[in-house]
Amino acid sequence: MASVEYLLLRSLKELVRDELREFQWRLQKDHEHISKSDMEDTDRFTTVDMLMNFFGAQEAVTITVSILRKMKQNHLAEQLQGNV
């Protein structure tokens, strides 16, 4: 089975630039300990690192799935859940 970091990265790679920005915006808005400056000019790799460092593997997946669902990216959310 692939690592959680790889699975998160694979999900974020499916998002186009504006969708990634929305994902990062929602992450920052929903989790007050992530500041706007933390998300400024952040790429997919750094976003995955932040998710893992702030929340740990299981919670990072839960948060990512939740945000993807809010963004109506249900196929990505289901794919991520099915591979963890």
C-alpha atoms as a PDB file:
ATOM      1  CA  MET A   1       0.000   0.000   0.000  1.00  0.00           C
ATOM      2  CA  ALA A   2       1.222   3.528  -0.768  1.00  0.00           C
ATOM      3  CA  SER A   3       2.146   5.876   2.055  1.00  0.00           C
ATOM      4  CA  VAL A   4      -0.406   8.384   3.289  1.00  0.00           C
ATOM      5  CA  GLU A   5       1.835  11.237   2.145  1.00  0.00           C
ATOM      6  CA  TYR A   6       1.911   9.855  -1.383  1.00  0.00           C
ATOM      7  CA  LEU A   7      -1.869   9.354  -1.417  1.00  0.00           C
ATOM      8  CA  LEU A   8      -2.463  12.919  -0.208  1.00  0.00           C
ATOM      9  CA  LEU A   9      -0.065  14.265  -2.813  1.00  0.00           C
ATOM     10  CA  ARG A  10      -1.727  12.224  -5.536  1.00  0.00           C
ATOM     11  CA  SER A  11      -5.102  13.725  -4.581  1.00  0.00           C
ATOM     12  CA  LEU A  12      -3.765  17.279  -4.593  1.00  0.00           C
ATOM     13  CA  LYS A  13      -2.051  16.734  -7.947  1.00  0.00           C
ATOM     14  CA  GLU A  14      -5.498  16.140  -9.449  1.00  0.00           C
ATOM     15  CA  LEU A  15      -6.522  19.696  -8.585  1.00  0.00           C
ATOM     16  CA  VAL A  16      -5.860  22.535 -10.998  1.00  0.00           C
ATOM     17  CA  ARG A  17      -4.225  25.699  -9.646  1.00  0.00           C
ATOM     18  CA  ASP A  18      -7.436  27.485  -8.619  1.00  0.00           C
ATOM     19  CA  GLU A  19      -8.788  24.330  -6.990  1.00  0.00           C
ATOM     20  CA  LEU A  20      -5.550  23.913  -5.048  1.00  0.00           C
ATOM     21  CA  ARG A  21      -5.832  27.519  -3.883  1.00  0.00           C
ATOM     22  CA  GLU A  22      -9.391  26.831  -2.746  1.00  0.00           C
ATOM     23  CA  PHE A  23      -8.240  23.696  -0.910  1.00  0.00           C
ATOM     24  CA  GLN A  24      -5.524  25.685   0.864  1.00  0.00           C
ATOM     25  CA  TRP A  25      -7.952  28.513   1.659  1.00  0.00           C
ATOM     26  CA  ARG A  26     -10.434  26.101   3.200  1.00  0.00           C
ATOM     27  CA  LEU A  27      -7.651  24.398   5.160  1.00  0.00           C
ATOM     28  CA  GLN A  28      -6.534  27.729   6.585  1.00  0.00           C
ATOM     29  CA  LYS A  29     -10.106  28.882   7.324  1.00  0.00           C
ATOM     30  CA  ASP A  30     -11.142  25.625   9.027  1.00  0.00           C
ATOM     31  CA  HIS A  31      -7.998  25.287  11.169  1.00  0.00           C
ATOM     32  CA  GLU A  32      -7.064  28.433  13.049  1.00  0.00           C
ATOM     33  CA  HIS A  33      -3.523  27.317  13.896  1.00  0.00           C
ATOM     34  CA  ILE A  34      -2.657  27.420  10.185  1.00  0.00           C
ATOM     35  CA  SER A  35      -2.045  31.051   9.322  1.00  0.00           C
ATOM     36  CA  LYS A  36      -2.443  32.857   6.024  1.00  0.00           C
ATOM     37  CA  SER A  37       1.322  33.228   5.848  1.00  0.00           C
ATOM     38  CA  ASP A  38       1.698  29.439   6.266  1.00  0.00           C
ATOM     39  CA  MET A  39      -0.349  28.980   3.093  1.00  0.00           C
ATOM     40  CA  GLU A  40       1.165  31.838   1.090  1.00  0.00           C
ATOM     41  CA  ASP A  41       2.865  30.570  -2.086  1.00  0.00           C
ATOM     42  CA  THR A  42       2.576  26.991  -0.839  1.00  0.00           C
ATOM     43  CA  ASP A  43       2.847  24.174  -3.358  1.00  0.00           C
ATOM     44  CA  ARG A  44       1.302  20.712  -3.176  1.00  0.00           C
ATOM     45  CA  PHE A  45       4.340  19.144  -1.517  1.00  0.00           C
ATOM     46  CA  THR A  46       4.467  21.730   1.263  1.00  0.00           C
ATOM     47  CA  THR A  47       0.717  21.451   1.772  1.00  0.00           C
ATOM     48  CA  VAL A  48       1.057  17.690   2.305  1.00  0.00           C
ATOM     49  CA  ASP A  49       3.976  18.253   4.696  1.00  0.00           C
ATOM     50  CA  MET A  50       1.874  20.750   6.670  1.00  0.00           C
ATOM     51  CA  LEU A  51      -1.062  18.372   6.855  1.00  0.00           C
ATOM     52  CA  MET A  52       1.160  15.569   8.133  1.00  0.00           C
ATOM     53  CA  ASN A  53       3.082  17.751  10.605  1.00  0.00           C
ATOM     54  CA  PHE A  54       0.062  19.541  12.057  1.00  0.00           C
ATOM     55  CA  PHE A  55      -2.400  16.650  12.138  1.00  0.00           C
ATOM     56  CA  GLY A  56      -0.704  13.277  11.654  1.00  0.00           C
ATOM     57  CA  ALA A  57      -1.590  10.722   9.003  1.00  0.00           C
ATOM     58  CA  GLN A  58      -5.110   9.700   9.991  1.00  0.00           C
ATOM     59  CA  GLU A  59      -6.375  13.209  10.743  1.00  0.00           C
ATOM     60  CA  ALA A  60      -4.702  14.579   7.582  1.00  0.00           C
ATOM     61  CA  VAL A  61      -6.698  12.108   5.503  1.00  0.00           C
ATOM     62  CA  THR A  62      -9.927  12.958   7.339  1.00  0.00           C
ATOM     63  CA  ILE A  63      -9.378  16.688   6.830  1.00  0.00           C
ATOM     64  CA  THR A  64      -8.425  16.271   3.173  1.00  0.00           C
ATOM     65  CA  VAL A  65     -11.486  14.130   2.454  1.00  0.00           C
ATOM     66  CA  SER A  66     -13.716  16.667   4.202  1.00  0.00           C
ATOM     67  CA  ILE A  67     -12.308  19.599   2.232  1.00  0.00           C
ATOM     68  CA  LEU A  68     -12.487  17.706  -1.054  1.00  0.00           C
ATOM     69  CA  ARG A  69     -16.161  16.940  -0.369  1.00  0.00           C
ATOM     70  CA  LYS A  70     -16.864  20.620   0.391  1.00  0.00           C
ATOM     71  CA  MET A  71     -15.272  21.421  -2.959  1.00  0.00           C
ATOM     72  CA  LYS A  72     -17.537  18.862  -4.690  1.00  0.00           C
ATOM     73  CA  GLN A  73     -14.481  16.738  -5.536  1.00  0.00           C
ATOM     74  CA  ASN A  74     -16.273  13.614  -4.336  1.00  0.00           C
ATOM     75  CA  HIS A  75     -14.469  11.264  -6.719  1.00  0.00           C
ATOM     76  CA  LEU A  76     -11.098  12.353  -5.273  1.00  0.00           C
ATOM     77  CA  ALA A  77     -12.411  12.035  -1.715  1.00  0.00           C
ATOM     78  CA  GLU A  78     -13.683   8.516  -2.370  1.00  0.00           C
ATOM     79  CA  GLN A  79     -10.471   7.523  -4.137  1.00  0.00           C
ATOM     80  CA  LEU A  80      -8.382   8.748  -1.204  1.00  0.00           C
ATOM     81  CA  GLN A  81     -10.565   6.994   1.369  1.00  0.00           C
ATOM     82  CA  GLY A  82     -10.538   3.776  -0.622  1.00  0.00           C
ATOM     83  CA  ASN A  83      -6.755   3.662  -0.801  1.00  0.00           C
ATOM     84  CA  VAL A  84      -5.931   4.391   2.838  1.00  0.00           C
END
